[in-house]
């Protein structure tokens, strides 16, 4: 994956923040309802939030060169894809419709259904499934495509004029262009990274808020995650506070009376919900992991903490403390739950040995640096904002936070000056360095002096340009190094060195790392902000990628929490604009 000095970059950033390519590359798109993949050669895969995969459309295609922007591709001969924001429709400008094929499954797990025949009425073709409808209509200037969970919703998408779709697409691109004074590389990263956050805001067929999507590939069944949503909403707190407020209410549904919470909350429409429930009850593995109808992977160790942190960040951004009082009983249940895991009485909850937190291919146990950072942050939210509701609980949280901070070094600090990933000294300690452990810094669990030592080690060990031990050269920031010592602690993708949680570059974590360098007044933030994006451009990956590494390739495109680099850069705009990159 790492290019040689003579390797040609596929996507080139332009001065206006857009990207240019001579060849066609896959463009993922995501609007409040509509989403899919566009191949400019002439293929469109179309899905709908809450419903699933609806249809595949083939069209005449366009010739390059191509100019790419969020949810848009344009060609030099006035063709291109333009996606509406107000209705579930898009326009294939300068294209001729070739075929429209309805999907036989709403998702990989859905039942295989008979394919219904295409209905034809003049220049209009309609594809029907049991879970949604797609209508494609040939117009003089191109193909207008509309979709809906019902025919009524789809037909509302036909009422918009193609010129209005083009205008909505332009306004959306302009909205994502949040740092127009930056250099082309930084400007384009901000645009695409922020696009990942804005496009995560989903709506139902009635126009109501329907969750922050983790990403385009994480929508069947439709669901919203506690952790993915938390990092995604960092870019939305000032720009879309109502969406954050709505997210809190959706996440509250998943909190159980004992403070447990799943990885995510399922938000499917009626047809997809019925199909998913069949699978949840019958699939051998799924029924073991998804214990309740509304749960996406029950009982995740980090999720309840993210619920509290989300409320805390919302209060800080808006001054509105109503969610805290509204959900105080859930917050207290979460507090009590983690206190019950503090067997040593040192303020540090012990994680059972399972794979249910962010590192969901790793059986972390004991004191987990990442989770302890979240815990201290959650305690501070309760202590700071809870006094007006229950002074005793607030004071207790403050006391536990003090004990936790005092106990952390004895539990996890290594001779190198960094914190171990997880374990207990009387059993086993995985002492490698991780990016997710930077939650300790973000939530003030360690001193500023210690934080700077840790950030120096991250620069030395996890930035691939400085790590001569890993064999792939300069390609990004590793999320962990060295690889996990005990193979039995890993499974599936993370079993392999440099893959997934075992050393890939995750832009949301490199954004966290860049944020911490900026927060502590350190230089060197440009590398974590931009190196992942340079790899995307080199490889022709259009959109904010989920994760990647040289020997294993990439994860999904257009991933919501990969907006963290934009969130970090925009939070420290003046310092970032001073960079020459």
Protein backbone atom coordinates (compact mmCIF):
# COMPACT_ATOMS: atom_id res chain seq x y z
CA UNK A 1 0.00 0.00 0.00
CA UNK A 2 2.82 2.44 0.78
CA UNK A 3 3.64 4.25 -2.47
CA UNK A 4 7.12 4.50 -3.83
CA UNK A 5 8.42 7.98 -4.67
CA UNK A 6 7.29 7.43 -8.27
CA UNK A 7 3.78 6.22 -7.40
CA UNK A 8 1.08 8.44 -8.88
CA UNK A 9 -1.62 9.61 -6.50
CA UNK A 10 -5.08 8.73 -7.84
CA UNK A 11 -6.92 11.67 -6.25
CA UNK A 12 -5.40 15.16 -6.29
CA UNK A 13 -6.64 17.87 -3.90
CA UNK A 14 -7.63 21.12 -5.60
CA UNK A 15 -7.42 24.65 -4.26
CA UNK A 16 -11.20 24.72 -3.70
CA UNK A 17 -11.13 21.60 -1.52
CA UNK A 18 -12.48 19.25 -4.17
CA UNK A 19 -10.59 16.27 -5.57
CA UNK A 20 -9.64 15.53 -9.16
CA UNK A 21 -9.03 12.15 -10.76
CA UNK A 22 -8.44 11.09 -14.33
CA UNK A 23 -9.94 7.70 -13.61
CA UNK A 24 -13.30 6.81 -12.12
CA UNK A 25 -13.28 5.84 -8.44
CA UNK A 26 -16.08 4.54 -6.26
CA UNK A 27 -18.11 7.34 -4.65
CA UNK A 28 -20.08 6.41 -1.52
CA UNK A 29 -22.90 8.84 -0.79
CA UNK A 30 -25.17 9.30 2.20
CA UNK A 31 -28.01 11.78 2.67
CA UNK A 32 -30.66 11.90 5.43
CA UNK A 33 -32.59 9.02 3.83
CA UNK A 34 -30.86 7.90 0.67
CA UNK A 35 -27.46 6.22 0.52
CA UNK A 36 -25.43 4.04 -1.79
CA UNK A 37 -22.41 3.67 -4.05
CA UNK A 38 -21.91 5.33 -7.41
CA UNK A 39 -19.49 3.97 -9.97
CA UNK A 40 -19.09 6.72 -12.56
CA UNK A 41 -18.58 4.07 -15.25
CA UNK A 42 -22.32 3.46 -15.03
CA UNK A 43 -23.55 1.64 -11.91
CA UNK A 44 -25.51 2.80 -8.88
CA UNK A 45 -26.32 0.72 -5.78
CA UNK A 46 -29.17 2.27 -3.83
CA UNK A 47 -30.26 1.79 -0.20
CA UNK A 48 -32.57 3.56 2.22
CA UNK A 49 -32.00 4.21 5.92
CA UNK A 50 -34.18 1.91 7.99
CA UNK A 51 -35.19 -0.22 5.00
CA UNK A 52 -32.03 -1.67 3.44
CA UNK A 53 -30.77 -2.38 -0.06
CA UNK A 54 -33.41 -1.46 -2.64
CA UNK A 55 -32.04 -1.69 -6.16
CA UNK A 56 -29.14 -1.54 -8.58
CA UNK A 57 -29.31 0.85 -11.50
CA UNK A 58 -27.11 0.86 -14.59
CA UNK A 59 -26.69 3.97 -16.74
CA UNK A 60 -24.58 5.20 -19.63
CA UNK A 61 -21.79 6.49 -17.41
CA UNK A 62 -19.41 9.40 -17.81
CA UNK A 63 -15.90 10.00 -19.03
CA UNK A 64 -13.18 11.65 -16.98
CA UNK A 65 -11.52 13.64 -15.74
CA UNK A 66 -13.70 13.66 -12.63
CA UNK A 67 -14.08 16.20 -9.84
CA UNK A 68 -15.23 14.74 -6.51
CA UNK A 69 -16.83 16.46 -3.53
CA UNK A 70 -19.07 15.30 -0.69
CA UNK A 71 -22.03 13.40 -2.21
CA UNK A 72 -21.11 14.69 -5.67
CA UNK A 73 -19.05 13.88 -8.73
CA UNK A 74 -18.84 16.12 -11.79
CA UNK A 75 -17.27 15.69 -15.21
CA UNK A 76 -15.79 18.14 -17.65
CA UNK A 77 -18.64 17.53 -20.11
CA UNK A 78 -21.33 18.64 -17.63
CA UNK A 79 -22.30 15.23 -16.29
CA UNK A 80 -22.30 13.85 -12.79
CA UNK A 81 -24.06 12.65 -9.66
CA UNK A 82 -25.96 15.12 -7.48
CA UNK A 83 -27.69 14.02 -4.27
CA UNK A 84 -30.62 15.92 -2.74
CA UNK A 85 -30.80 16.71 0.97
CA UNK A 86 -34.49 17.62 1.36
CA UNK A 87 -35.98 14.50 -0.25
CA UNK A 88 -34.73 10.95 -0.98
CA UNK A 89 -33.72 11.54 -4.57
CA UNK A 90 -30.68 12.10 -6.77
CA UNK A 91 -29.92 13.19 -10.31
CA UNK A 92 -27.59 11.48 -12.78
CA UNK A 93 -26.86 14.44 -14.99
CA UNK A 94 -26.06 13.73 -18.62
CA UNK A 95 -26.83 10.02 -18.24
CA UNK A 96 -29.17 7.58 -19.98
CA UNK A 97 -30.94 4.90 -17.98
CA UNK A 98 -30.08 1.36 -19.01
CA UNK A 99 -31.62 -0.92 -16.38
CA UNK A 100 -33.17 -0.98 -12.93
CA UNK A 101 -33.01 -4.19 -10.89
CA UNK A 102 -34.74 -4.57 -7.50
CA UNK A 103 -32.85 -6.21 -4.68
CA UNK A 104 -33.94 -9.64 -3.50
CA UNK A 105 -32.64 -9.12 0.05
CA UNK A 106 -32.76 -6.08 2.33
CA UNK A 107 -29.34 -7.13 3.70
CA UNK A 108 -27.04 -10.15 3.71
CA UNK A 109 -29.04 -11.67 6.55
CA UNK A 110 -32.46 -11.03 5.00
CA UNK A 111 -34.69 -13.65 3.41
CA UNK A 112 -34.29 -14.19 -0.32
CA UNK A 113 -37.45 -12.83 -1.90
CA UNK A 114 -38.87 -13.34 -5.42
CA UNK A 115 -37.85 -10.51 -7.73
CA UNK A 116 -40.84 -8.46 -8.78
CA UNK A 117 -41.08 -7.31 -12.40
CA UNK A 118 -40.18 -3.74 -13.27
CA UNK A 119 -43.17 -1.48 -13.92
CA UNK A 120 -42.84 0.78 -16.97
CA UNK A 121 -44.83 3.92 -17.63
CA UNK A 122 -43.36 5.96 -20.46
CA UNK A 123 -39.90 7.15 -19.38
CA UNK A 124 -40.48 6.00 -15.82
CA UNK A 125 -39.49 2.65 -14.29
CA UNK A 126 -40.48 1.44 -10.82
CA UNK A 127 -38.74 -1.28 -8.81
CA UNK A 128 -40.64 -2.67 -5.83
CA UNK A 129 -39.49 -4.74 -2.87
CA UNK A 130 -41.28 -5.75 0.30
CA UNK A 131 -39.34 -3.02 2.14
CA UNK A 132 -39.17 -0.11 -0.29
CA UNK A 133 -39.64 1.40 -3.73
CA UNK A 134 -37.28 2.97 -6.30
CA UNK A 135 -38.51 5.07 -9.22
CA UNK A 136 -36.16 6.08 -12.04
CA UNK A 137 -37.31 8.56 -14.63
CA UNK A 138 -35.48 9.58 -17.77
CA UNK A 139 -35.50 13.35 -18.12
CA UNK A 140 -34.10 15.49 -20.91
CA UNK A 141 -30.96 16.30 -18.91
CA UNK A 142 -30.39 12.96 -17.21
CA UNK A 143 -31.97 10.41 -14.87
CA UNK A 144 -33.97 11.41 -11.81
CA UNK A 145 -33.97 8.65 -9.16
CA UNK A 146 -36.21 8.65 -6.08
CA UNK A 147 -36.70 6.09 -3.33
CA UNK A 148 -38.86 5.53 -0.30
CA UNK A 149 -40.06 3.07 2.27
CA UNK A 150 -43.44 3.56 0.59
CA UNK A 151 -44.47 4.60 -2.89
CA UNK A 152 -45.79 7.84 -1.44
CA UNK A 153 -42.37 8.73 -0.06
CA UNK A 154 -40.67 7.78 -3.32
CA UNK A 155 -43.04 9.93 -5.35
CA UNK A 156 -42.32 12.97 -3.21
CA UNK A 157 -38.76 12.61 -4.45
CA UNK A 158 -39.96 12.99 -8.04
CA UNK A 159 -41.53 16.37 -7.32
CA UNK A 160 -38.19 18.15 -6.93
CA UNK A 161 -36.72 19.68 -10.07
CA UNK A 162 -33.27 18.41 -11.07
CA UNK A 163 -31.92 21.98 -10.95
CA UNK A 164 -33.00 22.15 -7.31
CA UNK A 165 -31.13 18.90 -6.60
CA UNK A 166 -28.00 20.38 -8.19
CA UNK A 167 -28.41 23.48 -6.00
CA UNK A 168 -28.92 21.41 -2.83
CA UNK A 169 -25.83 19.38 -3.68
CA UNK A 170 -23.81 22.59 -4.16
CA UNK A 171 -24.98 24.03 -0.84
CA UNK A 172 -24.09 20.80 0.93
CA UNK A 173 -20.57 20.84 -0.54
CA UNK A 174 -20.19 24.44 0.60
CA UNK A 175 -21.33 23.52 4.10
CA UNK A 176 -18.70 20.81 4.37
CA UNK A 177 -16.01 23.25 3.20
CA UNK A 178 -15.44 24.54 6.72
CA UNK A 179 -11.83 25.70 6.38
CA UNK A 180 -11.62 27.46 2.99
CA UNK A 181 -8.44 29.32 3.96
CA UNK A 182 -6.47 26.09 4.42
CA UNK A 183 -4.04 24.57 1.94
CA UNK A 184 -5.61 22.11 -0.56
CA UNK A 185 -4.62 18.94 1.32
CA UNK A 186 -5.94 20.17 4.67
CA UNK A 187 -8.98 21.82 3.09
CA UNK A 188 -10.02 18.65 1.29
CA UNK A 189 -9.51 16.55 4.42
CA UNK A 190 -11.71 18.89 6.45
CA UNK A 191 -14.40 18.78 3.76
CA UNK A 192 -14.54 15.00 3.48
CA UNK A 193 -14.06 14.35 7.19
CA UNK A 194 -16.81 16.78 8.16
CA UNK A 195 -19.01 15.24 5.47
CA UNK A 196 -18.73 11.95 7.37
CA UNK A 197 -20.28 13.65 10.41
CA UNK A 198 -23.00 15.62 8.64
CA UNK A 199 -24.08 12.65 6.54
CA UNK A 200 -24.37 10.47 9.63
CA UNK A 201 -27.48 12.44 10.66
CA UNK A 202 -30.36 10.26 9.48
CA UNK A 203 -34.09 10.82 9.17
CA UNK A 204 -37.11 8.57 9.03
CA UNK A 205 -39.79 8.78 6.33
CA UNK A 206 -41.62 11.46 8.34
CA UNK A 207 -38.53 13.67 8.54
CA UNK A 208 -37.85 12.96 12.22
CA UNK A 209 -34.34 12.42 13.57
CA UNK A 210 -33.45 8.72 13.28
CA UNK A 211 -29.97 8.46 14.75
CA UNK A 212 -26.33 9.04 13.90
CA UNK A 213 -25.27 6.30 11.53
CA UNK A 214 -21.87 4.77 12.21
CA UNK A 215 -21.26 4.71 8.48
CA UNK A 216 -22.66 3.82 5.13
CA UNK A 217 -21.85 0.14 5.62
CA UNK A 218 -23.37 0.05 9.13
CA UNK A 219 -27.02 0.52 8.28
CA UNK A 220 -28.62 -2.92 8.02
CA UNK A 221 -30.17 -3.24 10.45
CA UNK A 222 -30.29 0.52 10.92
CA UNK A 223 -28.63 1.29 14.24
CA UNK A 224 -26.77 3.93 16.15
CA UNK A 225 -23.81 3.24 18.42
CA UNK A 226 -22.81 4.74 21.75
CA UNK A 227 -19.08 4.90 20.96
CA UNK A 228 -19.20 5.66 17.23
CA UNK A 229 -21.85 8.27 17.87
CA UNK A 230 -19.78 9.90 20.60
CA UNK A 231 -16.76 10.49 18.40
CA UNK A 232 -18.97 11.49 15.45
CA UNK A 233 -20.87 14.11 17.42
CA UNK A 234 -17.68 15.94 18.38
CA UNK A 235 -17.97 17.72 15.03
CA UNK A 236 -21.71 18.28 15.51
CA UNK A 237 -21.94 19.77 19.00
CA UNK A 238 -21.68 23.34 17.73
CA UNK A 239 -23.09 22.73 14.25
CA UNK A 240 -26.04 20.39 14.89
CA UNK A 241 -26.85 20.44 18.64
CA UNK A 242 -30.44 19.28 18.02
CA UNK A 243 -29.10 16.10 16.45
CA UNK A 244 -26.94 15.50 19.53
CA UNK A 245 -30.00 16.04 21.73
CA UNK A 246 -31.95 13.55 19.64
CA UNK A 247 -29.07 11.08 19.84
CA UNK A 248 -29.16 11.20 23.64
CA UNK A 249 -32.84 10.23 23.61
CA UNK A 250 -32.25 7.31 21.25
CA UNK A 251 -29.32 6.02 23.31
CA UNK A 252 -31.36 6.30 26.50
CA UNK A 253 -33.61 3.54 25.14
CA UNK A 254 -30.78 1.03 25.43
CA UNK A 255 -29.80 1.69 29.06
CA UNK A 256 -31.04 -1.14 31.25
CA UNK A 257 -32.20 -0.70 34.88
CA UNK A 258 -28.87 -2.10 36.12
CA UNK A 259 -26.84 0.33 33.99
CA UNK A 260 -25.95 -2.11 31.23
CA UNK A 261 -26.06 -0.92 27.61
CA UNK A 262 -25.52 -2.57 24.22
CA UNK A 263 -23.01 -1.54 21.61
CA UNK A 264 -25.82 0.17 19.73
CA UNK A 265 -29.56 0.72 19.54
CA UNK A 266 -31.50 -0.69 16.59
CA UNK A 267 -33.62 1.83 14.66
CA UNK A 268 -35.10 -0.16 11.80
CA UNK A 269 -38.24 0.64 9.88
CA UNK A 270 -41.20 -1.78 10.16
CA UNK A 271 -40.31 -4.14 7.30
CA UNK A 272 -36.62 -4.39 8.18
CA UNK A 273 -37.43 -4.74 11.88
CA UNK A 274 -39.66 -7.73 11.22
CA UNK A 275 -37.01 -9.40 9.09
CA UNK A 276 -34.21 -8.66 11.58
CA UNK A 277 -36.19 -10.06 14.49
CA UNK A 278 -36.51 -13.39 12.67
CA UNK A 279 -32.75 -13.51 12.31
CA UNK A 280 -32.08 -12.35 15.87
CA UNK A 281 -34.13 -15.20 17.26
CA UNK A 282 -32.84 -17.94 14.98
CA UNK A 283 -29.24 -17.25 13.88
CA UNK A 284 -26.89 -19.36 16.00
CA UNK A 285 -24.40 -16.61 16.77
CA UNK A 286 -26.60 -13.53 16.50
CA UNK A 287 -29.09 -14.78 19.09
CA UNK A 288 -26.24 -15.20 21.60
CA UNK A 289 -24.94 -11.65 21.12
CA UNK A 290 -28.15 -9.66 20.60
CA UNK A 291 -30.15 -10.53 23.70
CA UNK A 292 -33.03 -8.06 23.37
CA UNK A 293 -35.02 -6.86 20.33
CA UNK A 294 -33.63 -3.30 20.52
CA UNK A 295 -30.02 -4.29 21.23
CA UNK A 296 -27.19 -4.33 18.76
CA UNK A 297 -24.70 -6.59 20.57
CA UNK A 298 -25.76 -6.51 24.20
CA UNK A 299 -23.66 -5.52 27.24
CA UNK A 300 -20.71 -3.49 26.00
CA UNK A 301 -18.37 -2.27 28.70
CA UNK A 302 -17.78 1.20 27.26
CA UNK A 303 -21.30 2.09 26.07
CA UNK A 304 -22.82 3.27 29.38
CA UNK A 305 -19.83 5.55 29.95
CA UNK A 306 -20.24 7.11 26.52
CA UNK A 307 -23.88 7.84 27.37
CA UNK A 308 -22.81 9.95 30.33
CA UNK A 309 -19.98 11.59 28.36
CA UNK A 310 -22.38 12.50 25.56
CA UNK A 311 -24.67 14.26 28.03
CA UNK A 312 -21.69 16.05 29.57
CA UNK A 313 -20.42 17.28 26.21
CA UNK A 314 -23.93 18.42 25.24
CA UNK A 315 -24.25 20.45 28.44
CA UNK A 316 -20.84 22.03 27.86
CA UNK A 317 -21.72 22.97 24.28
CA UNK A 318 -25.28 24.23 24.85
CA UNK A 319 -25.75 24.96 28.55
CA UNK A 320 -28.85 22.76 28.46
CA UNK A 321 -28.73 20.39 31.46
CA UNK A 322 -32.22 18.98 30.93
CA UNK A 323 -30.98 15.59 29.60
CA UNK A 324 -29.02 15.11 32.83
CA UNK A 325 -32.06 15.52 35.06
CA UNK A 326 -34.30 13.61 32.67
CA UNK A 327 -31.97 10.59 32.66
CA UNK A 328 -30.52 10.92 36.15
CA UNK A 329 -31.84 7.53 37.22
CA UNK A 330 -29.99 5.89 34.35
CA UNK A 331 -26.80 7.80 35.17
CA UNK A 332 -26.95 6.70 38.80
CA UNK A 333 -27.56 3.10 37.69
CA UNK A 334 -24.45 3.28 35.49
CA UNK A 335 -22.43 4.81 38.33
CA UNK A 336 -23.48 2.03 40.70
CA UNK A 337 -22.78 -0.63 38.09
CA UNK A 338 -19.13 0.37 37.71
CA UNK A 339 -18.66 0.89 41.44
CA UNK A 340 -19.66 -2.74 41.79
CA UNK A 341 -16.72 -3.68 39.57
CA UNK A 342 -14.22 -1.84 41.79
CA UNK A 343 -13.24 -4.86 43.88
CA UNK A 344 -10.05 -3.28 45.22
CA UNK A 345 -11.76 -0.07 46.31
CA UNK A 346 -9.19 1.99 44.43
CA UNK A 347 -11.68 3.72 42.16
CA UNK A 348 -10.78 1.56 39.14
CA UNK A 349 -13.45 -0.85 37.79
CA UNK A 350 -12.18 -4.18 36.53
CA UNK A 351 -13.35 -5.29 33.11
CA UNK A 352 -14.30 -8.98 32.79
CA UNK A 353 -12.43 -10.93 30.11
CA UNK A 354 -14.58 -10.47 27.02
CA UNK A 355 -14.48 -8.71 23.66
CA UNK A 356 -17.20 -6.16 24.32
CA UNK A 357 -15.79 -2.65 24.15
CA UNK A 358 -14.21 -0.75 21.27
CA UNK A 359 -11.64 -3.51 20.71
CA UNK A 360 -14.35 -6.04 19.91
CA UNK A 361 -11.92 -8.57 18.46
CA UNK A 362 -9.79 -8.56 21.61
CA UNK A 363 -10.49 -10.20 24.98
CA UNK A 364 -9.23 -7.43 27.18
CA UNK A 365 -9.56 -7.83 30.92
CA UNK A 366 -8.60 -6.27 34.21
CA UNK A 367 -7.64 -2.61 34.21
CA UNK A 368 -8.16 -1.36 30.63
CA UNK A 369 -6.60 2.05 30.00
CA UNK A 370 -9.16 3.04 27.37
CA UNK A 371 -12.14 2.20 29.58
CA UNK A 372 -10.60 3.82 32.65
CA UNK A 373 -10.19 7.07 30.76
CA UNK A 374 -13.89 7.00 29.90
CA UNK A 375 -14.74 6.15 33.51
CA UNK A 376 -12.85 9.12 34.91
CA UNK A 377 -14.51 11.39 32.36
CA UNK A 378 -17.95 10.07 33.29
CA UNK A 379 -17.22 10.58 36.99
CA UNK A 380 -16.30 14.19 36.31
CA UNK A 381 -19.60 14.76 34.49
CA UNK A 382 -21.56 13.41 37.47
CA UNK A 383 -19.47 15.39 39.95
CA UNK A 384 -19.62 18.66 38.03
CA UNK A 385 -23.23 18.69 36.90
CA UNK A 386 -25.04 16.42 39.34
CA UNK A 387 -24.88 18.48 42.53
CA UNK A 388 -28.11 20.34 41.78
CA UNK A 389 -29.94 17.01 41.48
CA UNK A 390 -28.29 14.90 44.18
CA UNK A 391 -25.41 16.45 46.11
CA UNK A 392 -24.51 13.17 47.78
CA UNK A 393 -24.09 11.29 44.49
CA UNK A 394 -22.13 14.20 43.04
CA UNK A 395 -19.75 14.28 46.02
CA UNK A 396 -19.34 10.53 45.91
CA UNK A 397 -18.43 10.65 42.20
CA UNK A 398 -15.85 13.36 42.91
CA UNK A 399 -14.29 11.23 45.64
CA UNK A 400 -14.16 8.14 43.40
CA UNK A 401 -12.57 10.19 40.60
CA UNK A 402 -9.88 11.37 43.01
CA UNK A 403 -9.14 7.77 44.06
CA UNK A 404 -9.09 6.59 40.48
CA UNK A 405 -6.55 9.21 39.43
CA UNK A 406 -4.39 8.41 42.44
CA UNK A 407 -4.49 4.66 41.71
CA UNK A 408 -3.93 4.70 37.97
CA UNK A 409 -0.12 4.75 37.92
CA UNK A 410 0.18 1.80 40.27
CA UNK A 411 -2.21 -0.19 38.10
CA UNK A 412 -0.94 0.51 34.58
CA UNK A 413 2.11 2.82 34.39
CA UNK A 414 5.10 1.14 32.73
CA UNK A 415 8.84 1.86 33.13
CA UNK A 416 8.75 3.45 29.67
CA UNK A 417 6.51 6.21 31.01
CA UNK A 418 3.44 5.02 29.12
CA UNK A 419 0.36 3.11 30.25
CA UNK A 420 -0.27 -0.55 29.56
CA UNK A 421 -3.22 -1.49 27.39
CA UNK A 422 -4.85 -3.86 29.88
CA UNK A 423 -4.38 -6.53 32.52
CA UNK A 424 -3.55 -6.91 36.18
CA UNK A 425 -0.08 -7.36 37.66
CA UNK A 426 -1.01 -10.59 39.43
CA UNK A 427 -2.14 -12.17 36.14
CA UNK A 428 -1.02 -10.76 32.79
CA UNK A 429 -0.33 -7.28 31.46
CA UNK A 430 -0.44 -6.33 27.77
CA UNK A 431 2.03 -3.49 27.96
CA UNK A 432 2.11 -2.33 24.36
CA UNK A 433 1.27 1.28 23.49
CA UNK A 434 -2.17 2.11 22.10
CA UNK A 435 -3.94 5.13 20.72
CA UNK A 436 -7.20 4.31 22.47
CA UNK A 437 -5.42 4.75 25.79
CA UNK A 438 -5.32 8.47 25.00
CA UNK A 439 -8.76 8.65 26.60
CA UNK A 440 -6.71 8.93 29.80
CA UNK A 441 -5.38 12.22 28.47
CA UNK A 442 -8.60 13.50 26.94
CA UNK A 443 -10.52 13.13 30.17
CA UNK A 444 -7.80 14.41 32.47
CA UNK A 445 -7.00 11.16 34.25
CA UNK A 446 -3.25 11.91 34.18
CA UNK A 447 -1.15 14.99 34.85
CA UNK A 448 -0.14 17.35 32.02
CA UNK A 449 3.47 16.33 32.54
CA UNK A 450 2.64 12.64 32.16
CA UNK A 451 0.40 13.39 29.18
CA UNK A 452 3.29 15.02 27.31
CA UNK A 453 5.53 12.03 28.00
CA UNK A 454 2.87 9.70 26.62
CA UNK A 455 2.37 11.85 23.52
CA UNK A 456 6.12 11.83 22.92
CA UNK A 457 6.15 8.04 23.02
CA UNK A 458 3.16 7.86 20.68
CA UNK A 459 5.05 10.01 18.20
CA UNK A 460 8.12 7.82 18.51
CA UNK A 461 6.42 4.41 18.38
CA UNK A 462 3.00 4.68 16.73
CA UNK A 463 3.76 7.15 13.95
CA UNK A 464 4.90 4.77 11.22
CA UNK A 465 7.38 7.29 9.83
CA UNK A 466 9.36 7.04 13.07
CA UNK A 467 8.92 3.33 13.75
CA UNK A 468 11.61 1.44 11.85
CA UNK A 469 10.63 -1.88 13.45
CA UNK A 470 7.36 -2.20 11.56
CA UNK A 471 8.16 -3.20 7.97
CA UNK A 472 5.87 -1.00 5.86
CA UNK A 473 7.51 2.39 5.93
CA UNK A 474 5.61 5.66 6.26
CA UNK A 475 1.87 5.01 5.89
CA UNK A 476 -0.03 6.33 8.93
CA UNK A 477 -0.40 6.03 12.69
CA UNK A 478 -0.64 2.53 14.17
CA UNK A 479 -3.39 2.07 16.74
CA UNK A 480 -1.20 -0.37 18.72
CA UNK A 481 2.42 -1.52 18.76
CA UNK A 482 3.95 -4.00 19.21
CA UNK A 483 1.24 -6.47 18.18
CA UNK A 484 -0.63 -8.29 20.94
CA UNK A 485 1.60 -10.67 22.87
CA UNK A 486 -1.01 -13.35 23.53
CA UNK A 487 -2.76 -14.71 20.42
CA UNK A 488 -5.50 -16.16 22.62
CA UNK A 489 -6.52 -12.61 23.54
CA UNK A 490 -7.44 -11.86 19.92
CA UNK A 491 -9.86 -13.23 17.36
CA UNK A 492 -10.81 -12.86 13.70
CA UNK A 493 -9.32 -9.76 12.06
CA UNK A 494 -7.37 -8.66 15.13
CA UNK A 495 -5.59 -12.01 15.33
CA UNK A 496 -3.23 -10.77 12.60
CA UNK A 497 -0.46 -8.25 13.22
CA UNK A 498 -1.13 -4.79 11.74
CA UNK A 499 -4.77 -5.62 11.14
CA UNK A 500 -7.86 -4.02 12.71
CA UNK A 501 -7.27 -3.46 16.46
CA UNK A 502 -3.80 -4.96 16.11
CA UNK A 503 -2.10 -2.00 14.43
CA UNK A 504 -4.27 -0.50 11.68
CA UNK A 505 -4.61 3.25 11.28
CA UNK A 506 -8.07 4.34 12.50
CA UNK A 507 -8.64 7.99 11.55
CA UNK A 508 -10.93 8.54 14.52
CA UNK A 509 -8.05 7.61 16.82
CA UNK A 510 -5.48 9.59 14.85
CA UNK A 511 -7.91 12.50 15.19
CA UNK A 512 -7.94 11.94 18.95
CA UNK A 513 -4.15 11.88 18.91
CA UNK A 514 -3.95 15.09 16.88
CA UNK A 515 -6.46 16.71 19.22
CA UNK A 516 -4.31 15.88 22.23
CA UNK A 517 -1.15 17.25 20.64
CA UNK A 518 -3.06 20.46 19.94
CA UNK A 519 -4.63 20.53 23.40
CA UNK A 520 -1.22 20.24 25.08
CA UNK A 521 0.36 22.86 22.84
CA UNK A 522 2.64 20.43 21.00
CA UNK A 523 3.74 20.61 17.39
CA UNK A 524 3.54 17.61 15.11
CA UNK A 525 -0.25 17.51 14.85
CA UNK A 526 -0.18 17.70 11.04
CA UNK A 527 0.96 14.12 10.62
CA UNK A 528 -1.99 12.48 12.41
CA UNK A 529 -4.38 14.97 10.85
CA UNK A 530 -3.26 14.35 7.29
CA UNK A 531 -1.26 11.15 6.76
CA UNK A 532 -4.35 8.93 6.74
CA UNK A 533 -5.94 11.27 4.21
CA UNK A 534 -2.87 11.19 1.99
CA UNK A 535 -3.20 7.38 1.94
CA UNK A 536 -6.84 7.74 0.89
CA UNK A 537 -5.81 10.00 -1.98
CA UNK A 538 -2.96 7.72 -3.00
CA UNK A 539 -5.26 4.71 -3.10
CA UNK A 540 -8.28 6.40 -4.65
CA UNK A 541 -10.48 5.92 -1.56
CA UNK A 542 -13.17 8.54 -1.89
CA UNK A 543 -14.39 9.48 1.57
CA UNK A 544 -13.29 9.18 5.19
CA UNK A 545 -12.10 5.60 5.59
CA UNK A 546 -12.84 3.50 8.68
CA UNK A 547 -9.38 1.92 9.08
CA UNK A 548 -6.53 0.60 6.92
CA UNK A 549 -3.05 -0.91 6.95
CA UNK A 550 -0.59 -1.81 4.19
CA UNK A 551 -0.84 -5.61 4.28
CA UNK A 552 -4.62 -5.76 4.83
CA UNK A 553 -6.25 -2.91 2.94
CA UNK A 554 -9.13 -0.77 4.17
CA UNK A 555 -12.40 -0.96 6.04
CA UNK A 556 -15.53 0.93 5.08
CA UNK A 557 -15.71 4.35 3.46
CA UNK A 558 -17.69 7.34 4.70
CA UNK A 559 -17.40 6.38 8.37
CA UNK A 560 -18.97 8.82 10.82
CA UNK A 561 -16.33 8.80 13.54
CA UNK A 562 -13.63 9.43 10.95
CA UNK A 563 -14.82 13.03 11.30
CA UNK A 564 -12.58 13.30 14.38
CA UNK A 565 -9.66 14.75 12.39
CA UNK A 566 -11.94 17.54 11.16
CA UNK A 567 -13.35 18.07 14.66
CA UNK A 568 -9.82 18.41 16.07
CA UNK A 569 -8.64 20.74 13.31
CA UNK A 570 -11.69 22.98 13.54
CA UNK A 571 -11.43 23.19 17.34
CA UNK A 572 -7.90 24.59 16.93
CA UNK A 573 -8.48 26.45 13.68
CA UNK A 574 -5.88 29.21 14.12
CA UNK A 575 -3.02 26.84 14.85
CA UNK A 576 -4.01 24.53 12.02
CA UNK A 577 -4.27 27.38 9.53
CA UNK A 578 -0.73 28.40 10.43
CA UNK A 579 0.58 25.13 9.02
CA UNK A 580 1.89 25.03 5.47
CA UNK A 581 0.09 21.76 4.79
